[in-house]
Structures are given as C-alpha cells and as structure tokens.
Amino acid sequence: MRIEQSTVAVGHSTVTGAPASPEYATAVAELRRAVSLLVGDLRKNEGQYEDGAELVEAGERIEAELDRDEPRWNSIQRWLGFIAPGVHATAAVAADVEAIQRGVTTLLAALF
C-alpha cells in the first residue's frame, strides 16, 4: 500500500480523494495567520507564563501541523487544549486561542 497526499494505492488499484475546496484552503490560510499571530504573542509574553517556553513550542507545533498538506486536526486540537489553560491570565491571548479552537471545530464540522 502507498499513500501520497490524498491518494491511496493498493496493488494495481488507486483511490483518489476529492481536492480541497477553495473555502477549505481559505479557512486553513486564515488559521495559519491566526496561529502565527498567537505564536508571536506567546513569544512576546513568554516570561509571564509559568510554562512559557512549552506554550511557545506548542504554538510552533500547531504552525508546523498547519503547514502539512493534510494537517492532523486532532493534533492541532490537542496542542490548543494544552495552550488554553496556560494563557488564561492574559485575556487577549486566551480569546485568540478560543477563536482558533472555534475555527478548527467549524472547519472539521464542514469536512465531515
């Protein structure tokens, strides 16, 4: 078996998934921008958080995941779940994390 992007090949048969819609690509691009801003805020305020370095690393992992051809949404949700309680003392950053979480949930609902 061979899997490449959204194509699965077994033996001599091939199954190809539908290409991503423009709306999907736009939503992922918006999430990338939002996460990039979040990581910038986390870096800027790293010293204010008990686990500042770990929060920055989690944000960077989300960025890396969003750069994949097919992001692993459960991984993104897990890292966002790690960040959320760590930034609760900073209202603006906590609101950003919540907005990104809602965006991921909405995107997943549209996919499935």
N, C-alpha and C. Protein backbone atom coordinates (compact mmCIF):
# COMPACT_ATOMS: atom_id res chain seq x y z
N MET A 1 0.85 -1.17 0.00
CA MET A 1 0.00 0.00 0.00
C MET A 1 0.89 1.23 0.00
N ARG A 2 0.46 2.27 -0.71
CA ARG A 2 1.19 3.53 -0.79
C ARG A 2 0.19 4.66 -0.61
N ILE A 3 0.51 5.62 0.26
CA ILE A 3 -0.37 6.78 0.46
C ILE A 3 0.43 8.03 0.13
N GLU A 4 -0.08 8.82 -0.77
CA GLU A 4 0.53 10.09 -1.14
C GLU A 4 -0.54 11.15 -1.13
N GLN A 5 -0.37 12.15 -0.28
CA GLN A 5 -1.36 13.21 -0.08
C GLN A 5 -2.71 12.56 0.13
N SER A 6 -3.67 12.73 -0.76
CA SER A 6 -4.98 12.13 -0.54
C SER A 6 -5.22 10.96 -1.49
N THR A 7 -4.14 10.34 -1.97
CA THR A 7 -4.26 9.21 -2.88
C THR A 7 -3.80 7.94 -2.18
N VAL A 8 -4.59 6.89 -2.27
CA VAL A 8 -4.24 5.59 -1.70
C VAL A 8 -4.15 4.60 -2.85
N ALA A 9 -3.04 3.90 -2.93
CA ALA A 9 -2.87 2.90 -3.98
C ALA A 9 -2.58 1.54 -3.35
N VAL A 10 -3.35 0.55 -3.71
CA VAL A 10 -3.16 -0.82 -3.23
C VAL A 10 -3.06 -1.71 -4.46
N GLY A 11 -1.93 -2.40 -4.58
CA GLY A 11 -1.77 -3.26 -5.75
C GLY A 11 -1.84 -2.42 -7.02
N HIS A 12 -2.83 -2.77 -7.87
CA HIS A 12 -2.98 -2.06 -9.15
C HIS A 12 -4.14 -1.08 -9.15
N SER A 13 -4.85 -0.94 -8.02
CA SER A 13 -5.99 -0.01 -7.98
C SER A 13 -5.60 1.26 -7.24
N THR A 14 -6.26 2.34 -7.55
CA THR A 14 -5.97 3.63 -6.94
C THR A 14 -7.29 4.31 -6.58
N VAL A 15 -7.32 4.91 -5.40
CA VAL A 15 -8.46 5.71 -4.96
C VAL A 15 -7.93 7.09 -4.65
N THR A 16 -8.55 8.10 -5.21
CA THR A 16 -8.10 9.47 -5.01
C THR A 16 -9.21 10.26 -4.34
N GLY A 17 -8.84 11.00 -3.28
CA GLY A 17 -9.81 11.86 -2.60
C GLY A 17 -10.07 13.11 -3.39
N ALA A 18 -11.18 13.74 -3.12
CA ALA A 18 -11.53 14.98 -3.81
C ALA A 18 -10.55 16.07 -3.41
N PRO A 19 -10.17 16.94 -4.35
CA PRO A 19 -9.27 18.03 -4.00
C PRO A 19 -9.97 18.98 -3.02
N ALA A 20 -9.17 19.65 -2.22
CA ALA A 20 -9.72 20.58 -1.23
C ALA A 20 -10.44 21.73 -1.93
N SER A 21 -11.57 22.13 -1.38
CA SER A 21 -12.32 23.24 -1.95
C SER A 21 -11.59 24.55 -1.67
N PRO A 22 -11.90 25.58 -2.44
CA PRO A 22 -11.28 26.89 -2.19
C PRO A 22 -11.62 27.41 -0.79
N GLU A 23 -12.82 27.11 -0.31
CA GLU A 23 -13.22 27.55 1.03
C GLU A 23 -12.35 26.89 2.09
N TYR A 24 -12.05 25.62 1.90
CA TYR A 24 -11.20 24.89 2.83
C TYR A 24 -9.81 25.53 2.86
N ALA A 25 -9.26 25.77 1.67
CA ALA A 25 -7.92 26.37 1.59
C ALA A 25 -7.90 27.74 2.24
N THR A 26 -8.95 28.52 2.05
CA THR A 26 -9.03 29.84 2.66
C THR A 26 -9.11 29.73 4.18
N ALA A 27 -9.91 28.80 4.67
CA ALA A 27 -10.04 28.60 6.12
C ALA A 27 -8.71 28.18 6.74
N VAL A 28 -7.99 27.29 6.09
CA VAL A 28 -6.69 26.86 6.60
C VAL A 28 -5.71 28.03 6.59
N ALA A 29 -5.74 28.84 5.54
CA ALA A 29 -4.86 30.01 5.46
C ALA A 29 -5.16 30.99 6.59
N GLU A 30 -6.44 31.18 6.89
CA GLU A 30 -6.82 32.07 7.99
C GLU A 30 -6.35 31.51 9.32
N LEU A 31 -6.47 30.21 9.50
CA LEU A 31 -5.97 29.59 10.72
C LEU A 31 -4.45 29.76 10.83
N ARG A 32 -3.74 29.61 9.72
CA ARG A 32 -2.28 29.80 9.73
C ARG A 32 -1.92 31.20 10.20
N ARG A 33 -2.63 32.21 9.66
CA ARG A 33 -2.37 33.60 10.06
C ARG A 33 -2.65 33.80 11.54
N ALA A 34 -3.78 33.27 12.01
CA ALA A 34 -4.16 33.42 13.41
C ALA A 34 -3.15 32.75 14.33
N VAL A 35 -2.71 31.57 13.97
CA VAL A 35 -1.74 30.84 14.80
C VAL A 35 -0.39 31.56 14.78
N SER A 36 -0.02 32.11 13.65
CA SER A 36 1.23 32.86 13.56
C SER A 36 1.20 34.06 14.52
N LEU A 37 0.08 34.77 14.54
CA LEU A 37 -0.08 35.89 15.48
C LEU A 37 -0.04 35.40 16.92
N LEU A 38 -0.70 34.27 17.18
CA LEU A 38 -0.71 33.69 18.52
C LEU A 38 0.71 33.35 18.98
N VAL A 39 1.48 32.71 18.11
CA VAL A 39 2.85 32.34 18.47
C VAL A 39 3.67 33.60 18.75
N GLY A 40 3.46 34.64 17.96
CA GLY A 40 4.14 35.92 18.22
C GLY A 40 3.80 36.46 19.59
N ASP A 41 2.52 36.42 19.97
CA ASP A 41 2.09 36.88 21.29
C ASP A 41 2.68 36.00 22.39
N LEU A 42 2.71 34.69 22.16
CA LEU A 42 3.28 33.79 23.16
C LEU A 42 4.77 34.08 23.36
N ARG A 43 5.48 34.32 22.28
CA ARG A 43 6.91 34.64 22.39
C ARG A 43 7.12 35.95 23.15
N LYS A 44 6.30 36.94 22.79
CA LYS A 44 6.43 38.26 23.41
C LYS A 44 6.16 38.21 24.91
N ASN A 45 5.20 37.38 25.31
CA ASN A 45 4.79 37.30 26.71
C ASN A 45 5.28 36.04 27.42
N GLU A 46 6.25 35.36 26.84
CA GLU A 46 6.71 34.07 27.36
C GLU A 46 7.04 34.13 28.84
N GLY A 47 7.67 35.19 29.29
CA GLY A 47 8.06 35.33 30.69
C GLY A 47 6.90 35.46 31.65
N GLN A 48 5.72 35.82 31.15
CA GLN A 48 4.55 35.99 32.01
C GLN A 48 3.87 34.67 32.35
N TYR A 49 4.19 33.62 31.61
CA TYR A 49 3.53 32.35 31.80
C TYR A 49 4.43 31.37 32.53
N GLU A 50 3.82 30.58 33.39
CA GLU A 50 4.58 29.59 34.14
C GLU A 50 5.31 28.62 33.21
N ASP A 51 4.65 28.20 32.15
CA ASP A 51 5.22 27.27 31.18
C ASP A 51 5.43 27.96 29.84
N GLY A 52 5.97 29.16 29.87
CA GLY A 52 6.09 29.97 28.66
C GLY A 52 6.78 29.28 27.51
N ALA A 53 7.92 28.65 27.76
CA ALA A 53 8.67 28.00 26.68
C ALA A 53 7.87 26.85 26.07
N GLU A 54 7.17 26.10 26.92
CA GLU A 54 6.36 24.98 26.43
C GLU A 54 5.16 25.48 25.62
N LEU A 55 4.59 26.62 26.02
CA LEU A 55 3.47 27.19 25.27
C LEU A 55 3.92 27.64 23.88
N VAL A 56 5.10 28.26 23.82
CA VAL A 56 5.65 28.68 22.53
C VAL A 56 5.89 27.45 21.66
N GLU A 57 6.48 26.41 22.25
CA GLU A 57 6.73 25.19 21.49
C GLU A 57 5.43 24.57 20.97
N ALA A 58 4.39 24.58 21.79
CA ALA A 58 3.09 24.04 21.36
C ALA A 58 2.55 24.86 20.19
N GLY A 59 2.67 26.17 20.26
CA GLY A 59 2.24 27.01 19.15
C GLY A 59 3.01 26.72 17.88
N GLU A 60 4.31 26.51 18.02
CA GLU A 60 5.14 26.18 16.85
C GLU A 60 4.75 24.83 16.27
N ARG A 61 4.36 23.89 17.11
CA ARG A 61 3.91 22.59 16.62
C ARG A 61 2.61 22.72 15.82
N ILE A 62 1.73 23.63 16.27
CA ILE A 62 0.49 23.88 15.53
C ILE A 62 0.83 24.48 14.17
N GLU A 63 1.76 25.45 14.16
CA GLU A 63 2.18 26.04 12.88
C GLU A 63 2.71 24.96 11.93
N ALA A 64 3.54 24.09 12.45
CA ALA A 64 4.11 23.03 11.61
C ALA A 64 3.02 22.11 11.09
N GLU A 65 2.06 21.82 11.93
CA GLU A 65 0.97 20.93 11.52
C GLU A 65 0.13 21.58 10.42
N LEU A 66 -0.12 22.88 10.54
CA LEU A 66 -0.91 23.59 9.53
C LEU A 66 -0.15 23.73 8.21
N ASP A 67 1.17 23.58 8.24
CA ASP A 67 1.97 23.64 7.02
C ASP A 67 1.97 22.32 6.25
N ARG A 68 1.47 21.27 6.85
CA ARG A 68 1.40 19.97 6.18
C ARG A 68 0.34 20.02 5.07
N ASP A 69 0.49 19.16 4.07
CA ASP A 69 -0.52 19.07 3.01
C ASP A 69 -1.87 18.67 3.59
N GLU A 70 -1.85 17.77 4.55
CA GLU A 70 -3.08 17.32 5.21
C GLU A 70 -2.87 17.40 6.72
N PRO A 71 -3.20 18.55 7.31
CA PRO A 71 -2.98 18.72 8.75
C PRO A 71 -3.74 17.66 9.56
N ARG A 72 -3.12 17.25 10.64
CA ARG A 72 -3.77 16.32 11.56
C ARG A 72 -4.52 17.16 12.59
N TRP A 73 -5.83 17.27 12.37
CA TRP A 73 -6.65 18.17 13.16
C TRP A 73 -6.70 17.77 14.63
N ASN A 74 -6.66 16.47 14.91
CA ASN A 74 -6.69 16.05 16.32
C ASN A 74 -5.43 16.51 17.04
N SER A 75 -4.31 16.52 16.35
CA SER A 75 -3.07 17.01 16.93
C SER A 75 -3.17 18.51 17.21
N ILE A 76 -3.73 19.25 16.27
CA ILE A 76 -3.91 20.70 16.45
C ILE A 76 -4.82 20.96 17.65
N GLN A 77 -5.91 20.23 17.75
CA GLN A 77 -6.82 20.43 18.88
C GLN A 77 -6.14 20.10 20.20
N ARG A 78 -5.32 19.06 20.21
CA ARG A 78 -4.62 18.68 21.43
C ARG A 78 -3.67 19.79 21.88
N TRP A 79 -2.89 20.35 20.94
CA TRP A 79 -1.96 21.42 21.30
C TRP A 79 -2.70 22.69 21.73
N LEU A 80 -3.81 22.99 21.08
CA LEU A 80 -4.62 24.14 21.51
C LEU A 80 -5.16 23.91 22.91
N GLY A 81 -5.55 22.67 23.19
CA GLY A 81 -6.03 22.33 24.53
C GLY A 81 -4.94 22.47 25.59
N PHE A 82 -3.69 22.29 25.20
CA PHE A 82 -2.58 22.50 26.11
C PHE A 82 -2.35 23.99 26.35
N ILE A 83 -2.46 24.78 25.29
CA ILE A 83 -2.18 26.22 25.39
C ILE A 83 -3.26 26.95 26.19
N ALA A 84 -4.51 26.60 25.96
CA ALA A 84 -5.64 27.37 26.53
C ALA A 84 -5.51 27.62 28.03
N PRO A 85 -5.34 26.61 28.87
CA PRO A 85 -5.26 26.89 30.30
C PRO A 85 -3.99 27.65 30.69
N GLY A 86 -2.95 27.54 29.88
CA GLY A 86 -1.69 28.22 30.19
C GLY A 86 -1.73 29.72 29.97
N VAL A 87 -2.66 30.19 29.17
CA VAL A 87 -2.72 31.63 28.86
C VAL A 87 -3.96 32.30 29.44
N HIS A 88 -4.68 31.60 30.30
CA HIS A 88 -5.95 32.14 30.81
C HIS A 88 -5.79 33.48 31.52
N ALA A 89 -4.61 33.78 32.04
CA ALA A 89 -4.41 35.04 32.75
C ALA A 89 -4.31 36.24 31.80
N THR A 90 -4.07 36.00 30.53
CA THR A 90 -3.97 37.07 29.53
C THR A 90 -5.21 36.99 28.65
N ALA A 91 -6.15 37.87 28.93
CA ALA A 91 -7.47 37.81 28.28
C ALA A 91 -7.37 37.82 26.76
N ALA A 92 -6.56 38.68 26.20
CA ALA A 92 -6.49 38.81 24.73
C ALA A 92 -5.95 37.52 24.11
N VAL A 93 -4.91 36.96 24.71
CA VAL A 93 -4.33 35.73 24.16
C VAL A 93 -5.30 34.57 24.35
N ALA A 94 -5.95 34.51 25.51
CA ALA A 94 -6.93 33.45 25.76
C ALA A 94 -8.08 33.54 24.75
N ALA A 95 -8.52 34.75 24.42
CA ALA A 95 -9.59 34.93 23.43
C ALA A 95 -9.12 34.47 22.05
N ASP A 96 -7.85 34.73 21.73
CA ASP A 96 -7.30 34.28 20.45
C ASP A 96 -7.29 32.76 20.36
N VAL A 97 -6.86 32.11 21.44
CA VAL A 97 -6.84 30.64 21.46
C VAL A 97 -8.25 30.10 21.29
N GLU A 98 -9.19 30.69 21.98
CA GLU A 98 -10.59 30.24 21.87
C GLU A 98 -11.12 30.42 20.45
N ALA A 99 -10.79 31.53 19.82
CA ALA A 99 -11.24 31.78 18.45
C ALA A 99 -10.62 30.76 17.48
N ILE A 100 -9.36 30.43 17.68
CA ILE A 100 -8.72 29.43 16.82
C ILE A 100 -9.36 28.07 17.04
N GLN A 101 -9.64 27.73 18.31
CA GLN A 101 -10.30 26.46 18.59
C GLN A 101 -11.66 26.38 17.90
N ARG A 102 -12.43 27.48 17.93
CA ARG A 102 -13.73 27.51 17.24
C ARG A 102 -13.54 27.35 15.74
N GLY A 103 -12.51 27.98 15.18
CA GLY A 103 -12.24 27.86 13.76
C GLY A 103 -11.92 26.44 13.36
N VAL A 104 -11.13 25.75 14.16
CA VAL A 104 -10.79 24.35 13.87
C VAL A 104 -12.03 23.49 13.96
N THR A 105 -12.85 23.70 14.99
CA THR A 105 -14.08 22.93 15.16
C THR A 105 -15.03 23.16 13.99
N THR A 106 -15.17 24.39 13.56
CA THR A 106 -16.05 24.72 12.43
C THR A 106 -15.54 24.06 11.15
N LEU A 107 -14.24 24.13 10.94
CA LEU A 107 -13.65 23.52 9.74
C LEU A 107 -13.84 22.01 9.75
N LEU A 108 -13.66 21.38 10.88
CA LEU A 108 -13.87 19.94 10.98
C LEU A 108 -15.32 19.57 10.72
N ALA A 109 -16.24 20.37 11.24
CA ALA A 109 -17.66 20.11 11.02
C ALA A 109 -18.00 20.18 9.53
N ALA A 110 -17.38 21.10 8.82
CA ALA A 110 -17.63 21.26 7.39
C ALA A 110 -17.04 20.09 6.59
N LEU A 111 -15.93 19.54 7.08
CA LEU A 111 -15.29 18.42 6.38
C LEU A 111 -16.05 17.12 6.55
N PHE A 112 -16.62 16.93 7.70
CA PHE A 112 -17.26 15.66 7.99
C PHE A 112 -18.71 15.89 8.19
